[in-house]
Amino acid sequence: SLKVESFHTTVKVLEGSNVFLPCYLPSTSGVISNARWFKETGAGQRTRLNTEDVTSGEKIELLSPNEQDQTIMMREVATGDAGVYVCESVTGEKLNSLHLEVEALPTSSPRSCNDLVEELQPCQEENSRTAEPILRESMTEFSMKLYSYLKQEQPSSNLLFSPISIGSILSHLLLGASGNTRMALEGAICVPHDFHCVHLQMKKQKEKMGESLQMASQIYYNSQMNLSESFSRRSVE
């Protein structure tokens, strides 16, 4: 017999953070009714999420009611919130399906910068075909999350921003981050935990785009801070 597998977009977040689950109604039709969100509970069962008539600050909030963008925000996610979430139109058409993974906060105390004396791990997939798709998927997911956040902050304004510029700066900080700080940065830019090829792949993408895209960015820091030798060296590589 033929077995049909279900594929979902995976969204990974750290416990206690907020997460945006994107969903969009077809642009060819007018907005008759808001989309319906469900969480699958197993054995073919699912629970409908309450996204109607909720006040700001609730656990789950529909950011733009009666608009094409039916993205919801889930606040302070817990490990129990992990699972598959499905967005459907009022007629039952599946619009999006997402697998939410919630990583528990580490129980150990984070190390201070003074404790970071080991050499950062090099990229083990420099010539692999998987590193580039991983970064591309991560940047796409990061762009969607960033757009949803900015739209929430300025719902009636036009938006002009560069996700790749912001993602590039945040990924650069991974060169000197470890422990909780590294996990938070990885979660922010949607890259897998301990994916050490971010900086190298970012550099390759900039070289590949050549003159079609020119970027300039700069990081400012307190001169009284002692940057690690490894971070300073790899920053200019």
Protein backbone atom coordinates (compact mmCIF):
# COMPACT_ATOMS: atom_id res chain seq x y z
CA SER A 1 0.00 0.00 0.00
CA LEU A 2 1.08 3.58 -0.62
CA LYS A 3 1.92 5.53 2.51
CA VAL A 4 1.44 9.29 2.32
CA GLU A 5 3.66 11.38 4.59
CA SER A 6 2.67 14.81 5.85
CA PHE A 7 5.28 17.55 5.58
CA HIS A 8 5.30 20.59 7.80
CA THR A 9 7.41 23.71 8.06
CA THR A 10 9.43 23.38 11.25
CA VAL A 11 9.62 26.34 13.62
CA LYS A 12 12.16 26.05 16.45
CA VAL A 13 12.02 28.34 19.48
CA LEU A 14 13.46 28.52 22.95
CA GLU A 15 11.17 27.96 25.92
CA GLY A 16 9.74 31.21 27.27
CA SER A 17 10.05 33.17 24.02
CA ASN A 18 7.31 34.44 21.71
CA VAL A 19 6.73 32.79 18.34
CA PHE A 20 4.90 33.83 15.18
CA LEU A 21 3.03 31.18 13.18
CA PRO A 22 2.44 32.56 9.66
CA CYS A 23 -0.65 31.99 7.55
CA TYR A 24 -2.03 33.91 4.58
CA LEU A 25 -5.41 33.83 2.88
CA PRO A 26 -5.36 33.61 -0.94
CA SER A 27 -4.86 37.06 -2.43
CA THR A 28 -7.33 36.29 -5.21
CA SER A 29 -10.30 36.29 -2.86
CA GLY A 30 -11.67 38.86 -0.47
CA VAL A 31 -11.49 38.31 3.27
CA ILE A 32 -14.88 36.83 4.14
CA SER A 33 -13.86 35.38 7.48
CA ASN A 34 -10.71 34.91 9.52
CA ALA A 35 -8.81 31.66 9.11
CA ARG A 36 -9.17 28.92 11.71
CA TRP A 37 -6.19 27.57 13.63
CA PHE A 38 -5.95 24.05 15.04
CA LYS A 39 -3.44 22.05 17.07
CA GLU A 40 -3.22 18.35 16.29
CA THR A 41 -3.48 16.21 19.42
CA GLY A 42 -2.80 12.79 17.89
CA ALA A 43 -4.89 9.87 16.64
CA GLY A 44 -6.52 12.12 14.06
CA GLN A 45 -7.82 14.48 16.74
CA ARG A 46 -7.24 18.21 16.95
CA THR A 47 -8.21 21.20 19.05
CA ARG A 48 -9.30 24.55 17.63
CA LEU A 49 -7.41 27.55 18.97
CA ASN A 50 -9.34 30.55 20.21
CA THR A 51 -8.23 33.42 17.98
CA GLU A 52 -11.52 35.30 17.99
CA ASP A 53 -12.53 38.02 20.45
CA VAL A 54 -9.28 37.90 22.41
CA THR A 55 -7.74 40.94 24.02
CA SER A 56 -4.16 42.07 23.56
CA GLY A 57 -1.81 40.20 25.86
CA GLU A 58 -3.54 36.82 25.61
CA LYS A 59 -1.50 33.63 25.13
CA ILE A 60 -2.53 33.40 21.46
CA GLU A 61 -3.39 36.46 19.39
CA LEU A 62 -4.44 36.91 15.77
CA LEU A 63 -2.32 39.88 14.73
CA SER A 64 -4.34 41.21 11.78
CA PRO A 65 -8.03 40.23 11.97
CA ASN A 66 -10.02 40.45 8.73
CA GLU A 67 -6.87 40.80 6.59
CA GLN A 68 -5.00 38.50 4.19
CA ASP A 69 -2.29 38.01 6.82
CA GLN A 70 -3.68 35.54 9.36
CA THR A 71 -0.45 35.12 11.33
CA ILE A 72 -0.87 34.38 15.03
CA MET A 73 1.51 35.13 17.87
CA MET A 74 1.98 32.72 20.76
CA ARG A 75 3.46 34.29 23.87
CA GLU A 76 5.89 32.68 26.30
CA VAL A 77 5.80 29.23 24.74
CA ALA A 78 6.24 26.21 26.98
CA THR A 79 7.43 22.72 26.10
CA GLY A 80 3.80 21.60 26.20
CA ASP A 81 3.02 23.94 23.30
CA ALA A 82 5.15 21.86 20.94
CA GLY A 83 3.27 20.08 18.18
CA VAL A 84 1.69 20.49 14.77
CA TYR A 85 -0.43 23.58 14.08
CA VAL A 86 -2.70 23.86 11.04
CA CYS A 87 -4.24 26.98 9.53
CA GLU A 88 -7.38 26.54 7.41
CA SER A 89 -9.81 28.78 5.59
CA VAL A 90 -13.41 28.89 6.73
CA THR A 91 -14.22 26.44 3.91
CA GLY A 92 -11.69 23.91 5.22
CA GLU A 93 -8.86 24.58 2.76
CA LYS A 94 -5.48 23.96 4.39
CA LEU A 95 -3.39 27.15 4.15
CA ASN A 96 -0.37 26.22 6.23
CA SER A 97 0.94 23.48 8.49
CA LEU A 98 3.75 24.06 10.97
CA HIS A 99 5.62 21.82 13.38
CA LEU A 100 6.54 23.82 16.48
CA GLU A 101 9.59 22.57 18.37
CA VAL A 102 10.23 24.09 21.80
CA GLU A 103 13.70 23.68 23.26
CA ALA A 104 13.80 23.65 27.05
CA LEU A 105 15.96 26.20 28.79
CA PRO A 106 19.27 24.79 30.00
CA THR A 107 19.44 24.16 33.73
CA SER A 108 23.12 25.00 34.09
CA SER A 109 24.28 28.56 34.65
CA PRO A 110 25.62 30.31 31.54
CA ARG A 111 29.35 30.83 31.31
CA SER A 112 30.77 34.32 31.36
CA CYS A 113 32.86 35.69 28.52
CA ASN A 114 35.95 35.23 30.68
CA ASP A 115 35.32 31.48 30.64
CA LEU A 116 35.27 31.31 26.83
CA VAL A 117 38.81 30.21 26.21
CA GLU A 118 38.33 27.26 23.85
CA GLU A 119 38.61 27.63 20.10
CA LEU A 120 35.26 27.88 18.32
CA GLN A 121 34.46 24.78 16.30
CA PRO A 122 35.18 25.09 12.56
CA CYS A 123 32.64 24.41 9.84
CA GLN A 124 32.66 20.68 9.10
CA GLU A 125 30.42 21.02 6.03
CA GLU A 126 32.43 23.57 4.06
CA ASN A 127 32.13 21.60 0.81
CA SER A 128 28.84 19.92 1.62
CA ARG A 129 25.71 20.51 -0.45
CA THR A 130 23.57 20.69 2.68
CA ALA A 131 25.09 23.79 4.30
CA GLU A 132 23.77 26.27 1.71
CA PRO A 133 20.14 24.98 1.79
CA ILE A 134 20.21 25.04 5.60
CA LEU A 135 21.22 28.70 5.61
CA ARG A 136 18.73 29.59 2.87
CA GLU A 137 15.84 27.96 4.75
CA SER A 138 16.92 29.62 8.00
CA MET A 139 17.08 33.09 6.43
CA THR A 140 13.65 32.61 4.83
CA GLU A 141 12.12 31.64 8.17
CA PHE A 142 13.93 34.51 9.92
CA SER A 143 12.59 36.98 7.32
CA MET A 144 9.01 35.80 7.86
CA LYS A 145 9.31 36.06 11.64
CA LEU A 146 10.90 39.50 11.44
CA TYR A 147 8.22 40.75 9.06
CA SER A 148 5.44 39.50 11.35
CA TYR A 149 7.06 41.20 14.34
CA LEU A 150 7.54 44.53 12.56
CA LYS A 151 4.00 44.41 11.18
CA GLN A 152 2.70 43.92 14.70
CA GLU A 153 4.66 46.95 15.93
CA GLN A 154 3.59 49.15 12.99
CA PRO A 155 0.35 47.58 11.67
CA SER A 156 -0.72 50.58 9.56
CA SER A 157 2.69 51.55 8.16
CA ASN A 158 4.59 50.50 5.07
CA LEU A 159 7.69 48.44 5.83
CA LEU A 160 11.13 48.75 4.28
CA PHE A 161 13.86 46.63 5.84
CA SER A 162 16.64 44.24 4.88
CA PRO A 163 16.36 40.83 6.58
CA ILE A 164 19.70 39.67 5.17
CA SER A 165 21.51 42.70 6.63
CA ILE A 166 20.00 42.13 10.08
CA GLY A 167 20.55 38.38 9.88
CA SER A 168 24.15 38.90 8.79
CA ILE A 169 24.94 41.05 11.84
CA LEU A 170 23.28 38.63 14.26
CA SER A 171 25.01 35.63 12.68
CA HIS A 172 28.35 37.42 13.00
CA LEU A 173 27.89 37.55 16.76
CA LEU A 174 27.77 33.74 16.80
CA LEU A 175 31.53 33.78 16.26
CA GLY A 176 31.98 34.90 19.86
CA ALA A 177 28.89 33.48 21.56
CA SER A 178 28.43 30.34 23.64
CA GLY A 179 25.98 28.80 26.10
CA ASN A 180 22.63 30.53 26.52
CA THR A 181 23.70 33.51 24.42
CA ARG A 182 24.54 31.31 21.44
CA MET A 183 21.28 29.38 21.78
CA ALA A 184 19.31 32.63 21.89
CA LEU A 185 21.05 33.95 18.76
CA GLU A 186 20.52 30.65 16.93
CA GLY A 187 16.84 30.75 17.83
CA ALA A 188 16.55 34.36 16.70
CA ILE A 189 17.96 33.73 13.21
CA CYS A 190 16.36 30.27 12.97
CA VAL A 191 19.53 28.23 12.41
CA PRO A 192 19.96 24.71 13.83
CA HIS A 193 21.77 24.43 17.15
CA ASP A 194 25.55 24.26 16.74
CA PHE A 195 25.45 24.83 12.97
CA HIS A 196 28.96 26.24 12.66
CA CYS A 197 28.82 27.10 8.95
CA VAL A 198 26.69 30.24 9.23
CA HIS A 199 29.55 32.74 8.91
CA LEU A 200 31.22 30.86 6.05
CA GLN A 201 27.98 30.40 4.11
CA MET A 202 27.05 34.06 4.59
CA LYS A 203 30.42 35.01 3.11
CA LYS A 204 29.91 32.65 0.16
CA GLN A 205 26.45 34.06 -0.54
CA LYS A 206 27.80 37.62 -0.61
CA GLU A 207 30.55 36.56 -3.02
CA LYS A 208 28.06 34.71 -5.22
CA MET A 209 25.75 37.71 -5.48
CA GLY A 210 28.72 39.90 -6.40
CA GLU A 211 27.79 43.31 -7.73
CA SER A 212 24.05 42.57 -7.74
CA LEU A 213 23.92 43.23 -3.99
CA GLN A 214 26.24 45.51 -2.04
CA MET A 215 26.10 45.50 1.75
CA ALA A 216 27.83 47.53 4.42
CA SER A 217 27.55 47.01 8.16
CA GLN A 218 29.54 47.76 11.28
CA ILE A 219 29.53 46.57 14.88
CA TYR A 220 30.28 49.04 17.68
CA TYR A 221 31.50 47.85 21.06
CA ASN A 222 32.76 49.27 24.33
CA SER A 223 36.51 49.79 24.05
CA GLN A 224 36.89 48.71 27.68
CA MET A 225 35.72 45.22 26.76
CA ASN A 226 38.35 42.64 25.88
CA LEU A 227 37.29 40.82 22.74
CA SER A 228 38.50 37.25 22.48
CA GLU A 229 41.39 36.72 20.09
CA SER A 230 39.44 34.01 18.28
CA PHE A 231 36.45 36.30 17.65
CA SER A 232 38.64 39.17 16.41
CA ARG A 233 40.59 36.90 14.08
CA ARG A 234 37.59 35.10 12.59
CA SER A 235 35.71 38.38 12.17
CA VAL A 236 38.15 39.51 9.49
CA GLU A 237 38.56 36.15 7.77
